Amino acid sequence: MAFLRRLQEYLDANHVHYEVLGHQEAYTAPEIAHTLRVSGKMLAKAPRKGDILLF
């Protein structure tokens, strides 16, 4: 959770638009991207189960 919070603070400080989304259980970033129907280049997987950042 600390990583996600630090990353969000960094993105906010630099005025980067992002969304935090929940998703079905998946183990890799490509699986999550497929589940959300987005490009794998558009997301970063956070360490806390169920959270990703969508850019």
Protein backbone atom coordinates (compact mmCIF):
# COMPACT_ATOMS: atom_id res chain seq x y z
CA MET A 1 0.00 0.00 0.00
CA ALA A 2 2.87 2.39 0.72
CA PHE A 3 4.14 1.97 -2.85
CA LEU A 4 0.75 2.82 -4.34
CA ARG A 5 0.37 5.87 -2.11
CA ARG A 6 3.89 7.13 -2.98
CA LEU A 7 3.27 6.60 -6.68
CA GLN A 8 -0.07 8.42 -6.52
CA GLU A 9 1.57 11.33 -4.65
CA TYR A 10 4.29 11.52 -7.31
CA LEU A 11 1.78 11.45 -10.17
CA ASP A 12 -0.41 14.06 -8.46
CA ALA A 13 2.57 16.35 -7.83
CA ASN A 14 3.48 16.13 -11.52
CA HIS A 15 -0.12 16.61 -12.71
CA VAL A 16 -0.29 13.20 -14.41
CA HIS A 17 -3.81 11.95 -15.14
CA TYR A 18 -4.47 8.37 -13.97
CA GLU A 19 -7.26 6.16 -12.66
CA VAL A 20 -7.09 3.47 -10.00
CA LEU A 21 -9.26 0.52 -11.08
CA GLY A 22 -10.23 -2.78 -9.51
CA HIS A 23 -10.34 -5.91 -11.65
CA GLN A 24 -11.00 -9.62 -11.55
CA GLU A 25 -8.22 -11.73 -10.10
CA ALA A 26 -5.26 -11.88 -12.49
CA TYR A 27 -1.57 -12.51 -11.88
CA THR A 28 0.24 -10.58 -14.61
CA ALA A 29 -0.10 -7.12 -16.11
CA PRO A 30 -0.99 -8.57 -19.55
CA GLU A 31 -3.80 -10.64 -17.98
CA ILE A 32 -5.13 -7.54 -16.24
CA ALA A 33 -4.96 -5.51 -19.46
CA HIS A 34 -6.87 -8.25 -21.26
CA THR A 35 -9.51 -8.35 -18.51
CA LEU A 36 -9.96 -4.56 -18.72
CA ARG A 37 -9.74 -4.54 -22.52
CA VAL A 38 -6.93 -1.97 -22.58
CA SER A 39 -3.39 -1.96 -23.97
CA GLY A 40 -0.73 -3.32 -21.64
CA LYS A 41 1.16 -0.09 -22.30
CA MET A 42 -1.62 1.82 -20.54
CA LEU A 43 -1.32 0.29 -17.07
CA ALA A 44 1.00 -0.38 -14.18
CA LYS A 45 0.30 -3.15 -11.68
CA ALA A 46 0.50 -2.06 -8.06
CA PRO A 47 1.69 -4.45 -5.32
CA ARG A 48 -1.66 -4.52 -3.49
CA LYS A 49 -3.93 -7.24 -4.84
CA GLY A 50 -6.64 -5.81 -7.07
CA ASP A 51 -5.15 -2.38 -7.77
CA ILE A 52 -3.74 -1.06 -11.01
CA LEU A 53 -2.97 2.39 -12.33
CA LEU A 54 -4.31 3.28 -15.76
CA PHE A 55 -2.51 6.06 -17.64
